[in-house]
Amino acid sequence: MMMPFTHYTEKLHSILEGTIITDINGKSLYLNEGLSLIVSNLQKIKTSRKKVMIIGNGGSAAIASHLQNDLCKAAQIRAMVFTEAPLLTALSNDISYTAAYRELVNLWADNGDMLFSISSSGRSQNIIDAVHAARDRGCTPIITLSGFLPDNPLRFIGDINLYIASGEYGYVELAHSVLAHFISDQTSKII
């Protein structure tokens, strides 16, 4: 039997309100505090003429592209994604898919740039490797969005980590999308 839509949206609401945000030291941040910190960092990125890089696989890549679109168009922030198919497939074929985002971060990242890394499972090795590359290149802050198991490795390596406590792709991806919209909407209203 199909779940009533109102139950689905009530569950999504509960999951969103249960978003757990931590810093690089594992310190918990209140939801509004963590989101406000991301928005203020985006303001600094715009003022300093740095850029935002956004990465993800599959549905997370779609969320990354949408966030990039909103940051560029609505907030006038220089933002980029690495989903240009010929280059991504060339790097994947010639090096490895696991190394592709790392290679692109190494090519494009400058000290002081920002990275959003999105992975529903938080276990995508190509995303984790790109975060480490961004850290080595001086990117700050590094924002992670993950879900599924609470011990996923991505959840512990960003400067600001947003974790969705659900094991269902649909809910995790919807929550990531809502958070990305909130961040870009708030950023465009302030800037």
C-alpha atoms as a PDB file:
ATOM      1  CA  MET A   1       0.000   0.000   0.000  1.00  0.00           C
ATOM      2  CA  MET A   2       1.244   3.453  -0.894  1.00  0.00           C
ATOM      3  CA  MET A   3       2.300   5.822   1.900  1.00  0.00           C
ATOM      4  CA  PRO A   4       0.031   8.880   2.063  1.00  0.00           C
ATOM      5  CA  PHE A   5       1.820  11.939   0.683  1.00  0.00           C
ATOM      6  CA  THR A   6       1.205  13.858   3.901  1.00  0.00           C
ATOM      7  CA  HIS A   7       3.140  11.177   5.827  1.00  0.00           C
ATOM      8  CA  TYR A   8       6.000  11.479   3.340  1.00  0.00           C
ATOM      9  CA  THR A   9       6.212  15.246   3.731  1.00  0.00           C
ATOM     10  CA  GLU A  10       5.848  15.031   7.522  1.00  0.00           C
ATOM     11  CA  LYS A  11       8.761  12.592   7.607  1.00  0.00           C
ATOM     12  CA  LEU A  12      10.825  14.903   5.382  1.00  0.00           C
ATOM     13  CA  HIS A  13      10.055  17.814   7.697  1.00  0.00           C
ATOM     14  CA  SER A  14      11.178  15.788  10.701  1.00  0.00           C
ATOM     15  CA  ILE A  15      14.379  14.712   8.928  1.00  0.00           C
ATOM     16  CA  LEU A  16      15.177  18.304   7.961  1.00  0.00           C
ATOM     17  CA  GLU A  17      14.661  19.558  11.493  1.00  0.00           C
ATOM     18  CA  GLY A  18      16.964  16.769  12.672  1.00  0.00           C
ATOM     19  CA  THR A  19      19.850  17.920  10.473  1.00  0.00           C
ATOM     20  CA  ILE A  20      23.040  17.578  12.492  1.00  0.00           C
ATOM     21  CA  ILE A  21      25.735  20.181  11.893  1.00  0.00           C
ATOM     22  CA  THR A  22      29.245  19.840  13.266  1.00  0.00           C
ATOM     23  CA  ASP A  23      32.521  21.648  12.773  1.00  0.00           C
ATOM     24  CA  ILE A  24      35.931  20.154  11.958  1.00  0.00           C
ATOM     25  CA  ASN A  25      36.463  19.347  15.654  1.00  0.00           C
ATOM     26  CA  GLY A  26      33.157  17.499  15.944  1.00  0.00           C
ATOM     27  CA  LYS A  27      31.528  20.308  17.922  1.00  0.00           C
ATOM     28  CA  SER A  28      27.775  20.439  17.346  1.00  0.00           C
ATOM     29  CA  LEU A  29      26.313  23.632  15.959  1.00  0.00           C
ATOM     30  CA  TYR A  30      22.672  24.644  16.181  1.00  0.00           C
ATOM     31  CA  LEU A  31      20.954  24.320  12.808  1.00  0.00           C
ATOM     32  CA  ASN A  32      20.480  28.070  12.285  1.00  0.00           C
ATOM     33  CA  GLU A  33      23.991  28.794  13.593  1.00  0.00           C
ATOM     34  CA  GLY A  34      25.618  26.379  11.135  1.00  0.00           C
ATOM     35  CA  LEU A  35      23.588  27.590   8.172  1.00  0.00           C
ATOM     36  CA  SER A  36      24.280  31.217   9.070  1.00  0.00           C
ATOM     37  CA  LEU A  37      27.987  30.425   9.211  1.00  0.00           C
ATOM     38  CA  ILE A  38      27.853  28.993   5.680  1.00  0.00           C
ATOM     39  CA  VAL A  39      26.004  32.061   4.377  1.00  0.00           C
ATOM     40  CA  SER A  40      28.489  34.450   6.004  1.00  0.00           C
ATOM     41  CA  ASN A  41      31.369  32.486   4.471  1.00  0.00           C
ATOM     42  CA  LEU A  42      29.719  32.777   1.060  1.00  0.00           C
ATOM     43  CA  GLN A  43      29.563  36.556   1.587  1.00  0.00           C
ATOM     44  CA  LYS A  44      33.314  36.544   2.277  1.00  0.00           C
ATOM     45  CA  ILE A  45      33.935  34.455  -0.848  1.00  0.00           C
ATOM     46  CA  LYS A  46      32.054  36.980  -2.956  1.00  0.00           C
ATOM     47  CA  THR A  47      33.799  39.983  -1.416  1.00  0.00           C
ATOM     48  CA  SER A  48      37.242  38.437  -1.839  1.00  0.00           C
ATOM     49  CA  ARG A  49      36.504  37.351  -5.441  1.00  0.00           C
ATOM     50  CA  LYS A  50      37.334  33.757  -4.566  1.00  0.00           C
ATOM     51  CA  LYS A  51      35.294  30.909  -5.989  1.00  0.00           C
ATOM     52  CA  VAL A  52      33.086  28.068  -4.843  1.00  0.00           C
ATOM     53  CA  MET A  53      33.604  24.543  -6.189  1.00  0.00           C
ATOM     54  CA  ILE A  54      30.756  22.055  -5.795  1.00  0.00           C
ATOM     55  CA  ILE A  55      31.068  18.289  -6.299  1.00  0.00           C
ATOM     56  CA  GLY A  56      28.809  15.265  -6.153  1.00  0.00           C
ATOM     57  CA  ASN A  57      27.971  12.018  -7.967  1.00  0.00           C
ATOM     58  CA  GLY A  58      24.647  11.089  -9.566  1.00  0.00           C
ATOM     59  CA  GLY A  59      21.760  12.820  -7.800  1.00  0.00           C
ATOM     60  CA  SER A  60      24.279  14.721  -5.687  1.00  0.00           C
ATOM     61  CA  ALA A  61      25.867  16.029  -8.905  1.00  0.00           C
ATOM     62  CA  ALA A  62      22.449  17.344  -9.926  1.00  0.00           C
ATOM     63  CA  ILE A  63      22.132  19.103  -6.567  1.00  0.00           C
ATOM     64  CA  ALA A  64      25.655  20.483  -7.049  1.00  0.00           C
ATOM     65  CA  SER A  65      24.737  21.855 -10.485  1.00  0.00           C
ATOM     66  CA  HIS A  66      21.586  23.459  -9.150  1.00  0.00           C
ATOM     67  CA  LEU A  67      23.482  25.080  -6.262  1.00  0.00           C
ATOM     68  CA  GLN A  68      26.107  26.348  -8.707  1.00  0.00           C
ATOM     69  CA  ASN A  69      23.382  27.828 -10.898  1.00  0.00           C
ATOM     70  CA  ASP A  70      21.724  29.604  -7.974  1.00  0.00           C
ATOM     71  CA  LEU A  71      24.974  30.949  -6.522  1.00  0.00           C
ATOM     72  CA  CYS A  72      26.038  32.326  -9.912  1.00  0.00           C
ATOM     73  CA  LYS A  73      22.701  33.734 -11.038  1.00  0.00           C
ATOM     74  CA  ALA A  74      21.029  34.875  -7.833  1.00  0.00           C
ATOM     75  CA  ALA A  75      23.994  35.646  -5.570  1.00  0.00           C
ATOM     76  CA  GLN A  76      26.542  36.681  -8.221  1.00  0.00           C
ATOM     77  CA  ILE A  77      29.171  34.375  -6.705  1.00  0.00           C
ATOM     78  CA  ARG A  78      31.751  32.671  -8.879  1.00  0.00           C
ATOM     79  CA  ALA A  79      30.861  28.990  -8.577  1.00  0.00           C
ATOM     80  CA  MET A  80      31.759  25.940 -10.612  1.00  0.00           C
ATOM     81  CA  VAL A  81      31.013  22.242 -10.914  1.00  0.00           C
ATOM     82  CA  PHE A  82      33.189  19.567 -12.486  1.00  0.00           C
ATOM     83  CA  THR A  83      30.546  17.652 -14.416  1.00  0.00           C
ATOM     84  CA  GLU A  84      31.624  18.530 -17.944  1.00  0.00           C
ATOM     85  CA  ALA A  85      31.250  15.020 -19.379  1.00  0.00           C
ATOM     86  CA  PRO A  86      34.174  14.837 -21.860  1.00  0.00           C
ATOM     87  CA  LEU A  87      36.759  16.039 -19.320  1.00  0.00           C
ATOM     88  CA  LEU A  88      35.332  13.998 -16.448  1.00  0.00           C
ATOM     89  CA  THR A  89      35.225  10.831 -18.556  1.00  0.00           C
ATOM     90  CA  ALA A  90      38.732  11.467 -19.938  1.00  0.00           C
ATOM     91  CA  LEU A  91      40.159  11.754 -16.423  1.00  0.00           C
ATOM     92  CA  SER A  92      38.139   8.743 -15.299  1.00  0.00           C
ATOM     93  CA  ASN A  93      39.387   6.669 -18.223  1.00  0.00           C
ATOM     94  CA  ASP A  94      43.019   7.801 -18.184  1.00  0.00           C
ATOM     95  CA  ILE A  95      43.553   7.978 -14.414  1.00  0.00           C
ATOM     96  CA  SER A  96      40.520   6.623 -12.508  1.00  0.00           C
ATOM     97  CA  TYR A  97      37.073   7.775 -11.544  1.00  0.00           C
ATOM     98  CA  THR A  98      38.211   7.838  -7.921  1.00  0.00           C
ATOM     99  CA  ALA A  99      40.914  10.375  -8.835  1.00  0.00           C
ATOM    100  CA  ALA A 100      38.923  12.534 -11.280  1.00  0.00           C
ATOM    101  CA  TYR A 101      37.542  15.117  -8.826  1.00  0.00           C
ATOM    102  CA  ARG A 102      40.845  15.232  -6.954  1.00  0.00           C
ATOM    103  CA  GLU A 103      42.625  16.042 -10.220  1.00  0.00           C
ATOM    104  CA  LEU A 104      40.134  18.791 -11.006  1.00  0.00           C
ATOM    105  CA  VAL A 105      40.410  20.292  -7.521  1.00  0.00           C
ATOM    106  CA  ASN A 106      44.203  20.273  -7.890  1.00  0.00           C
ATOM    107  CA  LEU A 107      43.832  22.045 -11.234  1.00  0.00           C
ATOM    108  CA  TRP A 108      41.332  24.705 -10.183  1.00  0.00           C
ATOM    109  CA  ALA A 109      41.514  25.266  -6.422  1.00  0.00           C
ATOM    110  CA  ASP A 110      43.205  28.348  -5.030  1.00  0.00           C
ATOM    111  CA  ASN A 111      43.970  29.219  -1.435  1.00  0.00           C
ATOM    112  CA  GLY A 112      40.822  30.623   0.172  1.00  0.00           C
ATOM    113  CA  ASP A 113      38.341  29.037  -2.238  1.00  0.00           C
ATOM    114  CA  MET A 114      35.322  27.189  -0.854  1.00  0.00           C
ATOM    115  CA  LEU A 115      34.317  23.579  -1.529  1.00  0.00           C
ATOM    116  CA  PHE A 116      30.871  22.027  -1.160  1.00  0.00           C
ATOM    117  CA  SER A 117      31.091  18.223  -1.262  1.00  0.00           C
ATOM    118  CA  ILE A 118      27.836  16.295  -1.495  1.00  0.00           C
ATOM    119  CA  SER A 119      27.507  12.537  -1.024  1.00  0.00           C
ATOM    120  CA  SER A 120      24.369  10.795   0.211  1.00  0.00           C
ATOM    121  CA  SER A 121      26.351   7.924   1.683  1.00  0.00           C
ATOM    122  CA  GLY A 122      29.338  10.017   2.709  1.00  0.00           C
ATOM    123  CA  ARG A 123      31.489   7.133   1.504  1.00  0.00           C
ATOM    124  CA  SER A 124      32.225   8.110  -2.102  1.00  0.00           C
ATOM    125  CA  GLN A 125      35.997   7.855  -2.305  1.00  0.00           C
ATOM    126  CA  ASN A 126      36.285  10.357  -5.156  1.00  0.00           C
ATOM    127  CA  ILE A 127      34.494  12.961  -3.022  1.00  0.00           C
ATOM    128  CA  ILE A 128      36.597  12.201   0.065  1.00  0.00           C
ATOM    129  CA  ASP A 129      39.840  12.407  -1.967  1.00  0.00           C
ATOM    130  CA  ALA A 130      38.735  15.749  -3.444  1.00  0.00           C
ATOM    131  CA  VAL A 131      38.095  17.131   0.045  1.00  0.00           C
ATOM    132  CA  HIS A 132      41.629  16.173   1.100  1.00  0.00           C
ATOM    133  CA  ALA A 133      43.016  17.784  -2.067  1.00  0.00           C
ATOM    134  CA  ALA A 134      41.038  20.963  -1.360  1.00  0.00           C
ATOM    135  CA  ARG A 135      42.385  21.052   2.191  1.00  0.00           C
ATOM    136  CA  ASP A 136      45.946  20.653   0.838  1.00  0.00           C
ATOM    137  CA  ARG A 137      45.329  23.558  -1.567  1.00  0.00           C
ATOM    138  CA  GLY A 138      44.169  25.856   1.255  1.00  0.00           C
ATOM    139  CA  CYS A 139      40.440  25.820   0.527  1.00  0.00           C
ATOM    140  CA  THR A 140      38.375  27.061   3.422  1.00  0.00           C
ATOM    141  CA  PRO A 141      35.744  26.504   4.402  1.00  0.00           C
ATOM    142  CA  ILE A 142      35.012  23.009   3.185  1.00  0.00           C
ATOM    143  CA  ILE A 143      31.326  22.175   3.518  1.00  0.00           C
ATOM    144  CA  THR A 144      30.125  18.557   3.486  1.00  0.00           C
ATOM    145  CA  LEU A 145      26.601  17.265   3.015  1.00  0.00           C
ATOM    146  CA  SER A 146      26.078  13.581   3.754  1.00  0.00           C
ATOM    147  CA  GLY A 147      23.579  11.077   5.113  1.00  0.00           C
ATOM    148  CA  PHE A 148      23.005   7.383   5.721  1.00  0.00           C
ATOM    149  CA  LEU A 149      25.183   6.038   8.532  1.00  0.00           C
ATOM    150  CA  PRO A 150      26.326   8.439  11.266  1.00  0.00           C
ATOM    151  CA  ASP A 151      29.915   7.197  11.017  1.00  0.00           C
ATOM    152  CA  ASN A 152      30.347   8.008   7.319  1.00  0.00           C
ATOM    153  CA  PRO A 153      33.833   9.450   6.753  1.00  0.00           C
ATOM    154  CA  LEU A 154      32.787  12.577   4.837  1.00  0.00           C
ATOM    155  CA  ARG A 155      30.875  13.771   7.891  1.00  0.00           C
ATOM    156  CA  PHE A 156      34.088  14.343   9.844  1.00  0.00           C
ATOM    157  CA  ILE A 157      36.440  16.028   7.369  1.00  0.00           C
ATOM    158  CA  GLY A 158      34.770  19.311   6.480  1.00  0.00           C
ATOM    159  CA  ASP A 159      34.967  22.607   8.308  1.00  0.00           C
ATOM    160  CA  ILE A 160      31.158  22.577   8.454  1.00  0.00           C
ATOM    161  CA  ASN A 161      29.426  19.194   8.114  1.00  0.00           C
ATOM    162  CA  LEU A 162      25.700  18.813   7.440  1.00  0.00           C
ATOM    163  CA  TYR A 163      24.466  15.294   8.177  1.00  0.00           C
ATOM    164  CA  ILE A 164      21.007  13.916   7.356  1.00  0.00           C
ATOM    165  CA  ALA A 165      20.024  11.037   9.628  1.00  0.00           C
ATOM    166  CA  SER A 166      18.252   8.877   7.058  1.00  0.00           C
ATOM    167  CA  GLY A 167      19.213   5.792   5.110  1.00  0.00           C
ATOM    168  CA  GLU A 168      16.833   6.507   2.239  1.00  0.00           C
ATOM    169  CA  TYR A 169      18.240   8.186  -0.868  1.00  0.00           C
ATOM    170  CA  GLY A 170      15.073  10.133  -1.572  1.00  0.00           C
ATOM    171  CA  TYR A 171      14.968  11.770   1.824  1.00  0.00           C
ATOM    172  CA  VAL A 172      18.712  12.459   1.952  1.00  0.00           C
ATOM    173  CA  GLU A 173      18.747  13.990  -1.533  1.00  0.00           C
ATOM    174  CA  LEU A 174      15.619  16.042  -0.861  1.00  0.00           C
ATOM    175  CA  ALA A 175      17.086  17.310   2.408  1.00  0.00           C
ATOM    176  CA  HIS A 176      20.368  18.222   0.698  1.00  0.00           C
ATOM    177  CA  SER A 177      18.428  20.017  -2.021  1.00  0.00           C
ATOM    178  CA  VAL A 178      16.317  21.962   0.506  1.00  0.00           C
ATOM    179  CA  LEU A 179      19.437  22.943   2.469  1.00  0.00           C
ATOM    180  CA  ALA A 180      21.192  24.044  -0.741  1.00  0.00           C
ATOM    181  CA  HIS A 181      18.166  26.150  -1.717  1.00  0.00           C
ATOM    182  CA  PHE A 182      17.990  27.706   1.727  1.00  0.00           C
ATOM    183  CA  ILE A 183      21.701  28.564   1.656  1.00  0.00           C
ATOM    184  CA  SER A 184      21.578  30.085  -1.834  1.00  0.00           C
ATOM    185  CA  ASP A 185      18.295  31.933  -1.153  1.00  0.00           C
ATOM    186  CA  GLN A 186      19.609  33.444   2.076  1.00  0.00           C
ATOM    187  CA  THR A 187      22.931  34.346   0.457  1.00  0.00           C
ATOM    188  CA  SER A 188      21.241  36.105  -2.471  1.00  0.00           C
ATOM    189  CA  LYS A 189      19.017  38.120  -0.110  1.00  0.00           C
ATOM    190  CA  ILE A 190      21.929  39.377   1.991  1.00  0.00           C
ATOM    191  CA  ILE A 191      24.409  40.146  -0.766  1.00  0.00           C
END
